[in-house]
Each structure stands twice: as C-alpha cells, then as structure tokens.
Amino acid sequence: MNNLPYYHVDAFADAPFAGNQAAVMPLTQWLPDDILQAIGEENNFAETAFYLPDETGAADYELRWFTPTVEIRLCGHATLASGHVILTASPDLDEVAFRTRKAGILQVVRDGAGYSLGLPAYAPAPKPLADIATLLGGDPVDTQFHEGRYNLIRYATADEVIDLRPDLKALGALGDAQFICTAPGKDTDVLSRVFVPGAGVDEDSFTGSAHAVLTPYWAKQLGRDSFTAYQASTRGGYVHCRLDGDRAWLGGRCFTVVEGQFQLP
C-alpha cells in the first residue's frame, strides 16, 4: 500500500460542519490523472485539492483540483483549505502562493483568526440568458456572463433565490458551467446559491470561484469595494469580499475535521 497524507477541511465556515468540505492531499510528485480523478470520485466532495512543491520558482506550490467527475479550472474553497493545511503546519509563515494551470497564481494570507484568499477578479458582462433563467426559475432582474463558464443571474430579493428549485438535469446537460444565483442579502450585503451539476456538484455548499465573479459585480452595484456575503446552501458559508484592482480577496476561516492517510494499492 502507498499512504498519502489526507486532510478533510471545512472552508469558509464559522464553525465545523459548515461552509464547504474539501479534501486536501499533499503529494511529492504528480500521480497519473486517472488516479487523481479516481481519488476525487472516492472522496466525493465538491473538490479534492492536490498540491506539491513548485519547481518553477513561480510560487511555493503547484495546485490542482478535481470534482468527483472532472478536473476544474479554479476552486476557491479548496485553495483556502490547502493554504490552511500548510500555514497550520508552518506557524512562522504568513502566506503561501499556489501556481495553477488555468487561473494563474493564487494566494492565501493569514488574516486575524482566519485567512484572505486572493483570486483573479472575473468581472461579468451583461448577456441575455433566457433559456438558463427558465431552467433556474423565478424572475431575474439581471443576467451576466464571464468567459464560457460563469453565468450570473440576479434576482430582486433573497427569498427568490432561496426558493429556487432549478431543473438540475437540464442545467447539467449544458456542460461544467456555474449558475450563480444572487440577490441583496438579509443579514449580509449579498446572498447567493450556486449550481454546477455538469461538474458533478448539483448545489455547491460554498463556491470561492463564484465569488471571484460576485466580487466585481456587487462592488459595482453597491458602489464600494468591500461587502459581506452569504451562500445560502444547506451548510451555508460566510465571506468578506474585497475588490483590489484585478484581484478578488475573500476572507474566511477553516477547520480541519479529519487528518489521516489515504491508502492506494
């Protein structure tokens, strides 16, 4: 048997058993992609993050993420969870940088009792999304889009978003797109729900990459560079969002709930 380090982390959570679960698995060399995908399927979390030291010198580590069905371009919560694992083991470090294959360099920085996660800011642009709006339901007041994957659908009230019952099978047939449903919040500035059925995640518990889109969108709508947000999944997740030029900074906490070994034959 080959034993791999394994961490189960709740990210963007105010307490354990909230936010979004991620499996974090440090490696010393890349395993074959089919093995990485099989591990992602076995873990059955929204994402499993794999990282190893970055030999290019561009960052501290190279990082990849797998859902139960596909490798994805960007995952925020599993990046935050990976930074949490590294910084917990290295208390003298204040930040860590990850080189990714599609999303550039990502950062996790200590911030009080939690962390700040630096992602690229993906500013969406207006686009008619009538067919998608029909599958989601409700009566959107704005629809926007960013680069082939991120569909932002805004509603007038938080209750409309909470009450959505989308056609997940039909949305999943559209590929691994994200469907980000959002409105002004109740106890936060912004509320959202995020559906990614084409990537094997019907409704995500908390989606950092969606907030890379929500941050520039709502910063413009609210007329200020920072705001609070809540993702209204069953588990729920809170985040502080801040736009800084072309970066979206997401503040949140993490909790390690399992630490052990993953056994490979």
C-alpha atoms as a PDB file:
ATOM      1  CA  MET A   1       0.000   0.000   0.000  1.00  0.00           C
ATOM      2  CA  ASN A   2       1.051   3.606  -0.674  1.00  0.00           C
ATOM      3  CA  ASN A   3      -0.145   6.001   2.022  1.00  0.00           C
ATOM      4  CA  LEU A   4      -0.885   9.615   1.079  1.00  0.00           C
ATOM      5  CA  PRO A   5      -1.478  12.385   3.639  1.00  0.00           C
ATOM      6  CA  TYR A   6      -5.152  13.314   3.809  1.00  0.00           C
ATOM      7  CA  TYR A   7      -6.972  16.270   5.382  1.00  0.00           C
ATOM      8  CA  HIS A   8     -10.699  16.933   5.477  1.00  0.00           C
ATOM      9  CA  VAL A   9     -11.217  20.691   5.913  1.00  0.00           C
ATOM     10  CA  ASP A  10     -14.370  22.779   6.284  1.00  0.00           C
ATOM     11  CA  ALA A  11     -13.623  26.047   4.467  1.00  0.00           C
ATOM     12  CA  PHE A  12     -15.412  29.400   4.699  1.00  0.00           C
ATOM     13  CA  ALA A  13     -17.003  28.163   7.909  1.00  0.00           C
ATOM     14  CA  ASP A  14     -17.656  29.986  11.180  1.00  0.00           C
ATOM     15  CA  ALA A  15     -17.619  26.587  12.935  1.00  0.00           C
ATOM     16  CA  PRO A  16     -17.003  22.943  11.995  1.00  0.00           C
ATOM     17  CA  PHE A  17     -19.722  21.231   9.947  1.00  0.00           C
ATOM     18  CA  ALA A  18     -20.456  24.412   7.979  1.00  0.00           C
ATOM     19  CA  GLY A  19     -19.028  26.040   4.864  1.00  0.00           C
ATOM     20  CA  ASN A  20     -17.732  23.723   2.142  1.00  0.00           C
ATOM     21  CA  GLN A  21     -15.866  20.481   2.657  1.00  0.00           C
ATOM     22  CA  ALA A  22     -12.603  19.896   0.796  1.00  0.00           C
ATOM     23  CA  ALA A  23     -10.166  17.021   0.767  1.00  0.00           C
ATOM     24  CA  VAL A  24      -6.567  18.264   0.750  1.00  0.00           C
ATOM     25  CA  MET A  25      -3.806  15.869  -0.277  1.00  0.00           C
ATOM     26  CA  PRO A  26      -0.127  16.921  -0.416  1.00  0.00           C
ATOM     27  CA  LEU A  27       1.979  14.990  -2.933  1.00  0.00           C
ATOM     28  CA  THR A  28       5.678  14.679  -3.688  1.00  0.00           C
ATOM     29  CA  GLN A  29       5.060  14.019  -7.394  1.00  0.00           C
ATOM     30  CA  TRP A  30       2.034  14.007  -9.665  1.00  0.00           C
ATOM     31  CA  LEU A  31       0.118  10.771  -9.872  1.00  0.00           C
ATOM     32  CA  PRO A  32      -1.469   9.795 -13.204  1.00  0.00           C
ATOM     33  CA  ASP A  33      -4.532  11.885 -13.965  1.00  0.00           C
ATOM     34  CA  ASP A  34      -6.848   8.876 -13.879  1.00  0.00           C
ATOM     35  CA  ILE A  35      -5.698   8.117 -10.323  1.00  0.00           C
ATOM     36  CA  LEU A  36      -6.221  11.747  -9.257  1.00  0.00           C
ATOM     37  CA  GLN A  37      -9.711  11.621 -10.740  1.00  0.00           C
ATOM     38  CA  ALA A  38     -10.459   8.306  -9.039  1.00  0.00           C
ATOM     39  CA  ILE A  39      -9.407   9.786  -5.693  1.00  0.00           C
ATOM     40  CA  GLY A  40     -11.692  12.768  -6.327  1.00  0.00           C
ATOM     41  CA  GLU A  41     -14.555  10.383  -7.015  1.00  0.00           C
ATOM     42  CA  GLU A  42     -13.754   8.313  -3.930  1.00  0.00           C
ATOM     43  CA  ASN A  43     -13.656  11.372  -1.658  1.00  0.00           C
ATOM     44  CA  ASN A  44     -16.943  12.576  -3.185  1.00  0.00           C
ATOM     45  CA  PHE A  45     -16.531  16.167  -2.001  1.00  0.00           C
ATOM     46  CA  ALA A  46     -17.152  19.080  -4.330  1.00  0.00           C
ATOM     47  CA  GLU A  47     -13.366  19.241  -4.744  1.00  0.00           C
ATOM     48  CA  THR A  48     -10.232  17.376  -3.795  1.00  0.00           C
ATOM     49  CA  ALA A  49      -7.114  19.575  -3.882  1.00  0.00           C
ATOM     50  CA  PHE A  50      -3.679  18.129  -4.695  1.00  0.00           C
ATOM     51  CA  TYR A  51      -0.500  20.154  -4.306  1.00  0.00           C
ATOM     52  CA  LEU A  52       3.248  19.670  -4.443  1.00  0.00           C
ATOM     53  CA  PRO A  53       6.296  21.973  -4.311  1.00  0.00           C
ATOM     54  CA  ASP A  54       6.522  24.217  -7.372  1.00  0.00           C
ATOM     55  CA  GLU A  55       9.804  23.500  -9.139  1.00  0.00           C
ATOM     56  CA  THR A  56       9.441  26.512 -11.466  1.00  0.00           C
ATOM     57  CA  GLY A  57      10.023  29.025  -8.655  1.00  0.00           C
ATOM     58  CA  ALA A  58       6.921  30.996  -9.663  1.00  0.00           C
ATOM     59  CA  ALA A  59       5.118  30.051  -6.440  1.00  0.00           C
ATOM     60  CA  ASP A  60       5.527  27.912  -3.359  1.00  0.00           C
ATOM     61  CA  TYR A  61       3.337  25.062  -4.619  1.00  0.00           C
ATOM     62  CA  GLU A  62       1.592  23.815  -7.721  1.00  0.00           C
ATOM     63  CA  LEU A  63      -2.116  23.133  -7.168  1.00  0.00           C
ATOM     64  CA  ARG A  64      -4.853  21.177  -8.977  1.00  0.00           C
ATOM     65  CA  TRP A  65      -8.486  20.399  -8.117  1.00  0.00           C
ATOM     66  CA  PHE A  66     -10.781  17.503  -9.032  1.00  0.00           C
ATOM     67  CA  THR A  67     -14.523  17.176  -8.526  1.00  0.00           C
ATOM     68  CA  PRO A  68     -15.985  13.640  -8.428  1.00  0.00           C
ATOM     69  CA  THR A  69     -16.160  13.766 -12.252  1.00  0.00           C
ATOM     70  CA  VAL A  70     -13.716  16.330 -13.743  1.00  0.00           C
ATOM     71  CA  GLU A  71     -10.609  18.440 -13.182  1.00  0.00           C
ATOM     72  CA  ILE A  72     -11.629  22.093 -12.903  1.00  0.00           C
ATOM     73  CA  ARG A  73     -10.016  25.429 -13.760  1.00  0.00           C
ATOM     74  CA  LEU A  74     -10.443  27.224 -10.425  1.00  0.00           C
ATOM     75  CA  CYS A  75     -11.615  26.317  -6.937  1.00  0.00           C
ATOM     76  CA  GLY A  76     -11.581  28.864  -4.156  1.00  0.00           C
ATOM     77  CA  HIS A  77     -12.626  26.921  -1.071  1.00  0.00           C
ATOM     78  CA  ALA A  78     -10.189  24.050  -1.668  1.00  0.00           C
ATOM     79  CA  THR A  79      -7.397  26.596  -2.247  1.00  0.00           C
ATOM     80  CA  LEU A  80      -8.224  28.220   1.086  1.00  0.00           C
ATOM     81  CA  ALA A  81      -8.272  24.758   2.683  1.00  0.00           C
ATOM     82  CA  SER A  82      -4.861  23.945   1.171  1.00  0.00           C
ATOM     83  CA  GLY A  83      -3.416  27.193   2.495  1.00  0.00           C
ATOM     84  CA  HIS A  84      -4.887  26.407   5.902  1.00  0.00           C
ATOM     85  CA  VAL A  85      -3.171  22.989   5.967  1.00  0.00           C
ATOM     86  CA  ILE A  86       0.204  24.478   5.008  1.00  0.00           C
ATOM     87  CA  LEU A  87       0.043  27.506   7.328  1.00  0.00           C
ATOM     88  CA  THR A  88      -1.182  25.419  10.269  1.00  0.00           C
ATOM     89  CA  ALA A  89       1.872  23.188   9.870  1.00  0.00           C
ATOM     90  CA  SER A  90       4.170  26.220   9.468  1.00  0.00           C
ATOM     91  CA  PRO A  91       3.212  28.820  12.118  1.00  0.00           C
ATOM     92  CA  ASP A  92       6.125  31.099  11.167  1.00  0.00           C
ATOM     93  CA  LEU A  93       4.729  31.571   7.650  1.00  0.00           C
ATOM     94  CA  ASP A  94       2.225  34.367   6.983  1.00  0.00           C
ATOM     95  CA  GLU A  95       1.269  33.491   3.425  1.00  0.00           C
ATOM     96  CA  VAL A  96       1.554  30.854   0.721  1.00  0.00           C
ATOM     97  CA  ALA A  97       1.304  31.101  -3.085  1.00  0.00           C
ATOM     98  CA  PHE A  98      -0.007  28.464  -5.476  1.00  0.00           C
ATOM     99  CA  ARG A  99       0.663  28.164  -9.196  1.00  0.00           C
ATOM    100  CA  THR A 100      -2.327  26.796 -11.090  1.00  0.00           C
ATOM    101  CA  ARG A 101      -2.711  25.617 -14.665  1.00  0.00           C
ATOM    102  CA  LYS A 102      -5.650  27.829 -15.687  1.00  0.00           C
ATOM    103  CA  ALA A 103      -6.106  30.525 -13.018  1.00  0.00           C
ATOM    104  CA  GLY A 104      -2.583  31.892 -12.539  1.00  0.00           C
ATOM    105  CA  ILE A 105      -1.040  32.482  -9.107  1.00  0.00           C
ATOM    106  CA  LEU A 106      -3.372  32.299  -6.091  1.00  0.00           C
ATOM    107  CA  GLN A 107      -2.512  33.422  -2.556  1.00  0.00           C
ATOM    108  CA  VAL A 108      -3.623  32.546   0.951  1.00  0.00           C
ATOM    109  CA  VAL A 109      -2.618  35.080   3.632  1.00  0.00           C
ATOM    110  CA  ARG A 110      -3.186  34.977   7.382  1.00  0.00           C
ATOM    111  CA  ASP A 111      -5.874  37.466   8.418  1.00  0.00           C
ATOM    112  CA  GLY A 112      -6.730  37.572  12.127  1.00  0.00           C
ATOM    113  CA  ALA A 113      -8.311  34.274  13.170  1.00  0.00           C
ATOM    114  CA  GLY A 114      -8.757  33.288   9.529  1.00  0.00           C
ATOM    115  CA  TYR A 115      -7.308  33.899   6.091  1.00  0.00           C
ATOM    116  CA  SER A 116      -7.671  36.011   2.982  1.00  0.00           C
ATOM    117  CA  LEU A 117      -7.736  34.242  -0.366  1.00  0.00           C
ATOM    118  CA  GLY A 118      -6.541  36.166  -3.427  1.00  0.00           C
ATOM    119  CA  LEU A 119      -8.238  35.143  -6.683  1.00  0.00           C
ATOM    120  CA  PRO A 120      -8.443  36.777 -10.110  1.00  0.00           C
ATOM    121  CA  ALA A 121     -11.465  39.098 -10.303  1.00  0.00           C
ATOM    122  CA  TYR A 122     -13.747  37.853 -13.081  1.00  0.00           C
ATOM    123  CA  ALA A 123     -15.923  40.843 -13.967  1.00  0.00           C
ATOM    124  CA  PRO A 124     -19.006  39.629 -15.871  1.00  0.00           C
ATOM    125  CA  ALA A 125     -20.754  41.488 -18.665  1.00  0.00           C
ATOM    126  CA  PRO A 126     -24.486  41.735 -19.469  1.00  0.00           C
ATOM    127  CA  LYS A 127     -25.834  38.907 -21.606  1.00  0.00           C
ATOM    128  CA  PRO A 128     -29.339  37.551 -22.240  1.00  0.00           C
ATOM    129  CA  LEU A 129     -29.687  34.137 -20.586  1.00  0.00           C
ATOM    130  CA  ALA A 130     -33.383  33.490 -21.111  1.00  0.00           C
ATOM    131  CA  ASP A 131     -33.115  29.715 -21.539  1.00  0.00           C
ATOM    132  CA  ILE A 132     -30.959  29.366 -18.424  1.00  0.00           C
ATOM    133  CA  ALA A 133     -33.301  31.630 -16.452  1.00  0.00           C
ATOM    134  CA  THR A 134     -36.208  29.364 -17.413  1.00  0.00           C
ATOM    135  CA  LEU A 135     -34.353  26.302 -16.102  1.00  0.00           C
ATOM    136  CA  LEU A 136     -33.480  28.072 -12.866  1.00  0.00           C
ATOM    137  CA  GLY A 137     -36.937  29.531 -12.305  1.00  0.00           C
ATOM    138  CA  GLY A 138     -38.016  32.781 -10.724  1.00  0.00           C
ATOM    139  CA  ASP A 139     -37.977  36.202 -12.365  1.00  0.00           C
ATOM    140  CA  PRO A 140     -34.398  37.518 -12.785  1.00  0.00           C
ATOM    141  CA  VAL A 141     -33.768  41.251 -12.962  1.00  0.00           C
ATOM    142  CA  ASP A 142     -30.273  40.961 -14.495  1.00  0.00           C
ATOM    143  CA  THR A 143     -28.235  38.290 -16.276  1.00  0.00           C
ATOM    144  CA  GLN A 144     -24.485  38.463 -16.891  1.00  0.00           C
ATOM    145  CA  PHE A 145     -21.752  36.145 -18.124  1.00  0.00           C
ATOM    146  CA  HIS A 146     -17.994  35.619 -17.931  1.00  0.00           C
ATOM    147  CA  GLU A 147     -15.806  33.510 -20.241  1.00  0.00           C
ATOM    148  CA  GLY A 148     -17.762  30.457 -21.081  1.00  0.00           C
ATOM    149  CA  ARG A 149     -18.374  29.093 -17.590  1.00  0.00           C
ATOM    150  CA  TYR A 150     -19.815  31.676 -15.206  1.00  0.00           C
ATOM    151  CA  ASN A 151     -23.486  32.579 -15.562  1.00  0.00           C
ATOM    152  CA  LEU A 152     -24.646  35.215 -13.064  1.00  0.00           C
ATOM    153  CA  ILE A 153     -28.392  35.533 -12.583  1.00  0.00           C
ATOM    154  CA  ARG A 154     -29.590  38.283 -10.248  1.00  0.00           C
ATOM    155  CA  TYR A 155     -32.976  38.354  -8.529  1.00  0.00           C
ATOM    156  CA  ALA A 156     -34.749  41.161  -6.707  1.00  0.00           C
ATOM    157  CA  THR A 157     -34.896  39.510  -3.282  1.00  0.00           C
ATOM    158  CA  ALA A 158     -33.034  36.949  -1.221  1.00  0.00           C
ATOM    159  CA  ASP A 159     -36.213  34.917  -0.757  1.00  0.00           C
ATOM    160  CA  GLU A 160     -36.498  34.396  -4.512  1.00  0.00           C
ATOM    161  CA  VAL A 161     -33.017  32.873  -4.576  1.00  0.00           C
ATOM    162  CA  ILE A 162     -33.682  30.726  -1.504  1.00  0.00           C
ATOM    163  CA  ASP A 163     -36.915  29.411  -3.052  1.00  0.00           C
ATOM    164  CA  LEU A 164     -35.382  28.367  -6.410  1.00  0.00           C
ATOM    165  CA  ARG A 165     -35.902  24.749  -7.472  1.00  0.00           C
ATOM    166  CA  PRO A 166     -33.878  24.517 -10.700  1.00  0.00           C
ATOM    167  CA  ASP A 167     -34.001  21.796 -13.331  1.00  0.00           C
ATOM    168  CA  LEU A 168     -30.593  20.339 -12.453  1.00  0.00           C
ATOM    169  CA  LYS A 169     -30.646  17.609 -15.089  1.00  0.00           C
ATOM    170  CA  ALA A 170     -31.212  20.118 -17.894  1.00  0.00           C
ATOM    171  CA  LEU A 171     -28.610  22.518 -16.484  1.00  0.00           C
ATOM    172  CA  GLY A 172     -26.097  19.667 -16.216  1.00  0.00           C
ATOM    173  CA  ALA A 173     -26.512  18.943 -19.926  1.00  0.00           C
ATOM    174  CA  LEU A 174     -25.016  22.404 -20.631  1.00  0.00           C
ATOM    175  CA  GLY A 175     -21.520  21.330 -19.527  1.00  0.00           C
ATOM    176  CA  ASP A 176     -19.486  22.249 -16.452  1.00  0.00           C
ATOM    177  CA  ALA A 177     -20.837  25.811 -16.276  1.00  0.00           C
ATOM    178  CA  GLN A 178     -21.579  27.548 -12.987  1.00  0.00           C
ATOM    179  CA  PHE A 179     -25.024  29.029 -12.434  1.00  0.00           C
ATOM    180  CA  ILE A 180     -24.626  31.771  -9.828  1.00  0.00           C
ATOM    181  CA  CYS A 181     -27.972  32.993  -8.484  1.00  0.00           C
ATOM    182  CA  THR A 182     -27.717  36.130  -6.366  1.00  0.00           C
ATOM    183  CA  ALA A 183     -29.652  38.954  -4.724  1.00  0.00           C
ATOM    184  CA  PRO A 184     -29.226  41.524  -1.958  1.00  0.00           C
ATOM    185  CA  GLY A 185     -28.842  39.664   1.321  1.00  0.00           C
ATOM    186  CA  LYS A 186     -30.729  39.643   4.606  1.00  0.00           C
ATOM    187  CA  ASP A 187     -28.082  39.674   7.347  1.00  0.00           C
ATOM    188  CA  THR A 188     -25.300  40.251   4.806  1.00  0.00           C
ATOM    189  CA  ASP A 189     -24.951  42.631   1.864  1.00  0.00           C
ATOM    190  CA  VAL A 190     -25.216  39.824  -0.700  1.00  0.00           C
ATOM    191  CA  LEU A 191     -26.722  36.351  -0.865  1.00  0.00           C
ATOM    192  CA  SER A 192     -26.148  33.605  -3.432  1.00  0.00           C
ATOM    193  CA  ARG A 193     -26.720  29.987  -4.360  1.00  0.00           C
ATOM    194  CA  VAL A 194     -24.502  28.188  -6.888  1.00  0.00           C
ATOM    195  CA  PHE A 195     -25.327  25.177  -9.058  1.00  0.00           C
ATOM    196  CA  VAL A 196     -22.703  23.192 -11.026  1.00  0.00           C
ATOM    197  CA  PRO A 197     -24.476  19.949 -11.990  1.00  0.00           C
ATOM    198  CA  GLY A 198     -22.385  19.411 -15.139  1.00  0.00           C
ATOM    199  CA  ALA A 199     -19.283  19.025 -12.943  1.00  0.00           C
ATOM    200  CA  GLY A 200     -20.942  16.570 -10.574  1.00  0.00           C
ATOM    201  CA  VAL A 201     -21.941  19.184  -7.949  1.00  0.00           C
ATOM    202  CA  ASP A 202     -25.689  19.834  -8.058  1.00  0.00           C
ATOM    203  CA  GLU A 203     -25.569  22.641  -5.491  1.00  0.00           C
ATOM    204  CA  ASP A 204     -22.256  23.734  -4.043  1.00  0.00           C
ATOM    205  CA  SER A 205     -22.034  24.446  -0.319  1.00  0.00           C
ATOM    206  CA  PHE A 206     -19.711  27.432  -0.797  1.00  0.00           C
ATOM    207  CA  THR A 207     -18.057  28.488  -4.030  1.00  0.00           C
ATOM    208  CA  GLY A 208     -14.947  30.662  -3.929  1.00  0.00           C
ATOM    209  CA  SER A 209     -14.695  30.874  -7.716  1.00  0.00           C
ATOM    210  CA  ALA A 210     -18.281  32.167  -7.914  1.00  0.00           C
ATOM    211  CA  HIS A 211     -17.290  34.954  -5.535  1.00  0.00           C
ATOM    212  CA  ALA A 212     -14.467  35.851  -7.919  1.00  0.00           C
ATOM    213  CA  VAL A 213     -17.379  36.852 -10.189  1.00  0.00           C
ATOM    214  CA  LEU A 214     -19.692  38.193  -7.489  1.00  0.00           C
ATOM    215  CA  THR A 215     -16.999  40.471  -6.033  1.00  0.00           C
ATOM    216  CA  PRO A 216     -16.540  42.755  -9.070  1.00  0.00           C
ATOM    217  CA  TYR A 217     -20.251  42.562  -9.916  1.00  0.00           C
ATOM    218  CA  TRP A 218     -21.529  43.612  -6.497  1.00  0.00           C
ATOM    219  CA  ALA A 219     -18.695  46.093  -5.884  1.00  0.00           C
ATOM    220  CA  LYS A 220     -20.023  47.955  -8.920  1.00  0.00           C
ATOM    221  CA  GLN A 221     -23.667  47.563  -7.913  1.00  0.00           C
ATOM    222  CA  LEU A 222     -23.078  48.671  -4.309  1.00  0.00           C
ATOM    223  CA  GLY A 223     -20.634  51.428  -5.193  1.00  0.00           C
ATOM    224  CA  ARG A 224     -17.960  50.235  -2.783  1.00  0.00           C
ATOM    225  CA  ASP A 225     -15.019  47.836  -2.880  1.00  0.00           C
ATOM    226  CA  SER A 226     -15.935  45.579   0.052  1.00  0.00           C
ATOM    227  CA  PHE A 227     -19.041  43.831   1.316  1.00  0.00           C
ATOM    228  CA  THR A 228     -20.263  40.784   3.239  1.00  0.00           C
ATOM    229  CA  ALA A 229     -21.823  37.756   1.562  1.00  0.00           C
ATOM    230  CA  TYR A 230     -23.589  34.533   2.450  1.00  0.00           C
ATOM    231  CA  GLN A 231     -24.014  31.434   0.272  1.00  0.00           C
ATOM    232  CA  ALA A 232     -27.401  30.017   1.211  1.00  0.00           C
ATOM    233  CA  SER A 233     -26.738  26.301   0.790  1.00  0.00           C
ATOM    234  CA  THR A 234     -27.836  23.711   3.324  1.00  0.00           C
ATOM    235  CA  ARG A 235     -24.482  24.045   5.149  1.00  0.00           C
ATOM    236  CA  GLY A 236     -24.148  27.777   4.488  1.00  0.00           C
ATOM    237  CA  GLY A 237     -20.981  29.825   4.166  1.00  0.00           C
ATOM    238  CA  TYR A 238     -19.986  33.401   5.097  1.00  0.00           C
ATOM    239  CA  VAL A 239     -17.316  35.501   3.419  1.00  0.00           C
ATOM    240  CA  HIS A 240     -15.997  39.041   3.363  1.00  0.00           C
ATOM    241  CA  CYS A 241     -15.343  40.142  -0.238  1.00  0.00           C
ATOM    242  CA  ARG A 242     -12.973  42.909  -1.289  1.00  0.00           C
ATOM    243  CA  LEU A 243     -12.079  44.101  -4.783  1.00  0.00           C
ATOM    244  CA  ASP A 244      -8.499  45.312  -5.215  1.00  0.00           C
ATOM    245  CA  GLY A 245      -7.775  46.108  -8.852  1.00  0.00           C
ATOM    246  CA  ASP A 246      -7.837  42.843 -10.758  1.00  0.00           C
ATOM    247  CA  ARG A 247      -7.924  40.736  -7.572  1.00  0.00           C
ATOM    248  CA  ALA A 248     -10.862  39.492  -5.538  1.00  0.00           C
ATOM    249  CA  TRP A 249      -9.931  38.930  -1.900  1.00  0.00           C
ATOM    250  CA  LEU A 250     -12.160  36.559   0.067  1.00  0.00           C
ATOM    251  CA  GLY A 251     -11.873  36.399   3.846  1.00  0.00           C
ATOM    252  CA  GLY A 252     -12.893  33.326   5.826  1.00  0.00           C
ATOM    253  CA  ARG A 253     -11.964  30.677   8.357  1.00  0.00           C
ATOM    254  CA  CYS A 254     -11.180  26.956   8.078  1.00  0.00           C
ATOM    255  CA  PHE A 255     -11.457  23.971  10.393  1.00  0.00           C
ATOM    256  CA  THR A 256      -9.639  20.640   9.979  1.00  0.00           C
ATOM    257  CA  VAL A 257     -12.089  17.901  10.961  1.00  0.00           C
ATOM    258  CA  VAL A 258     -10.151  14.798   9.810  1.00  0.00           C
ATOM    259  CA  GLU A 259      -6.426  14.149   9.422  1.00  0.00           C
ATOM    260  CA  GLY A 260      -5.139  10.777   8.300  1.00  0.00           C
ATOM    261  CA  GLN A 261      -3.817   8.588   5.498  1.00  0.00           C
ATOM    262  CA  PHE A 262      -5.337   7.715   2.139  1.00  0.00           C
ATOM    263  CA  GLN A 263      -4.291   4.223   1.062  1.00  0.00           C
ATOM    264  CA  LEU A 264      -3.520   3.436  -2.562  1.00  0.00           C
ATOM    265  CA  PRO A 265      -2.787  -0.114  -3.794  1.00  0.00           C
END
